Amino acid sequence: MTASVPIWFDDLAVEQVDVADDGYLSLRYAERWLQTTGAFSLSVTMPLRAEPYPSDVISL
């Protein structure tokens, strides 16, 4: 089972962090956020993109 934690900016979900049972993390920007004018990345190491970021990038 995977647990998910949303990350919000004002009233928009920006990202979702998924935590697998083995502790592996992945992070994905919300589709609506990617389509929002003025959307920004929350980290220089994780620029805006549709593909999820794996645990090794998130924990840098």
C-alpha atoms as a PDB file:
ATOM      1  CA  MET A   1       0.000   0.000   0.000  1.00  0.00           C
ATOM      2  CA  THR A   2       1.188   3.504  -0.785  1.00  0.00           C
ATOM      3  CA  ALA A   3       0.428   6.590   1.295  1.00  0.00           C
ATOM      4  CA  SER A   4       0.062   9.928  -0.490  1.00  0.00           C
ATOM      5  CA  VAL A   5       0.612  13.401   0.891  1.00  0.00           C
ATOM      6  CA  PRO A   6      -0.452  16.466  -1.101  1.00  0.00           C
ATOM      7  CA  ILE A   7       1.563  19.696  -1.052  1.00  0.00           C
ATOM      8  CA  TRP A   8      -0.504  22.865  -1.373  1.00  0.00           C
ATOM      9  CA  PHE A   9       0.110  26.471  -2.399  1.00  0.00           C
ATOM     10  CA  ASP A  10      -2.881  28.616  -1.460  1.00  0.00           C
ATOM     11  CA  ASP A  11      -5.861  26.585  -2.694  1.00  0.00           C
ATOM     12  CA  LEU A  12      -4.041  24.607  -5.402  1.00  0.00           C
ATOM     13  CA  ALA A  13      -2.484  21.196  -4.977  1.00  0.00           C
ATOM     14  CA  VAL A  14       1.058  21.629  -6.303  1.00  0.00           C
ATOM     15  CA  GLU A  15       2.607  18.213  -5.832  1.00  0.00           C
ATOM     16  CA  GLN A  16       1.932  14.813  -4.390  1.00  0.00           C
ATOM     17  CA  VAL A  17       4.467  12.777  -2.461  1.00  0.00           C
ATOM     18  CA  ASP A  18       3.873   9.027  -2.494  1.00  0.00           C
ATOM     19  CA  VAL A  19       5.459   6.848   0.175  1.00  0.00           C
ATOM     20  CA  ALA A  20       5.642   3.122  -0.567  1.00  0.00           C
ATOM     21  CA  ASP A  21       5.614   0.486   2.163  1.00  0.00           C
ATOM     22  CA  ASP A  22       9.374   0.062   1.757  1.00  0.00           C
ATOM     23  CA  GLY A  23       9.911   3.800   2.360  1.00  0.00           C
ATOM     24  CA  TYR A  24      10.582   4.636  -1.302  1.00  0.00           C
ATOM     25  CA  LEU A  25       9.406   8.158  -2.165  1.00  0.00           C
ATOM     26  CA  SER A  26       8.226   9.637  -5.408  1.00  0.00           C
ATOM     27  CA  LEU A  27       7.035  13.146  -6.124  1.00  0.00           C
ATOM     28  CA  ARG A  28       4.825  14.296  -8.969  1.00  0.00           C
ATOM     29  CA  TYR A  29       3.634  17.802  -9.815  1.00  0.00           C
ATOM     30  CA  ALA A  30      -0.150  18.040 -10.046  1.00  0.00           C
ATOM     31  CA  GLU A  31      -1.465  18.280 -13.604  1.00  0.00           C
ATOM     32  CA  ARG A  32      -3.555  21.334 -12.751  1.00  0.00           C
ATOM     33  CA  TRP A  33      -0.481  23.038 -11.282  1.00  0.00           C
ATOM     34  CA  LEU A  34       1.516  22.324 -14.432  1.00  0.00           C
ATOM     35  CA  GLN A  35      -1.221  24.059 -16.451  1.00  0.00           C
ATOM     36  CA  THR A  36      -1.489  27.069 -14.117  1.00  0.00           C
ATOM     37  CA  THR A  37      -0.156  30.377 -15.403  1.00  0.00           C
ATOM     38  CA  GLY A  38       2.708  31.414 -13.158  1.00  0.00           C
ATOM     39  CA  ALA A  39       3.344  27.887 -11.851  1.00  0.00           C
ATOM     40  CA  PHE A  40       6.811  27.464 -10.418  1.00  0.00           C
ATOM     41  CA  SER A  41       8.942  24.557  -9.278  1.00  0.00           C
ATOM     42  CA  LEU A  42       9.431  24.065  -5.575  1.00  0.00           C
ATOM     43  CA  SER A  43      13.087  23.161  -6.017  1.00  0.00           C
ATOM     44  CA  VAL A  44      15.823  23.943  -8.535  1.00  0.00           C
ATOM     45  CA  THR A  45      16.630  20.218  -8.578  1.00  0.00           C
ATOM     46  CA  MET A  46      13.028  19.343  -9.496  1.00  0.00           C
ATOM     47  CA  PRO A  47      11.888  21.614 -12.349  1.00  0.00           C
ATOM     48  CA  LEU A  48       8.302  21.446 -13.565  1.00  0.00           C
ATOM     49  CA  ARG A  49       7.530  18.258 -15.493  1.00  0.00           C
ATOM     50  CA  ALA A  50       4.801  15.637 -15.691  1.00  0.00           C
ATOM     51  CA  GLU A  51       7.027  12.642 -14.883  1.00  0.00           C
ATOM     52  CA  PRO A  52       7.511  11.753 -11.207  1.00  0.00           C
ATOM     53  CA  TYR A  53      10.796  12.323  -9.412  1.00  0.00           C
ATOM     54  CA  PRO A  54      12.287   9.281  -7.665  1.00  0.00           C
ATOM     55  CA  SER A  55      13.408   8.998  -4.070  1.00  0.00           C
ATOM     56  CA  ASP A  56      17.106   9.650  -4.798  1.00  0.00           C
ATOM     57  CA  VAL A  57      16.304  13.072  -6.340  1.00  0.00           C
ATOM     58  CA  ILE A  58      13.860  14.057  -3.591  1.00  0.00           C
ATOM     59  CA  SER A  59      16.272  13.318  -0.767  1.00  0.00           C
ATOM     60  CA  LEU A  60      19.168  15.376  -2.149  1.00  0.00           C
END
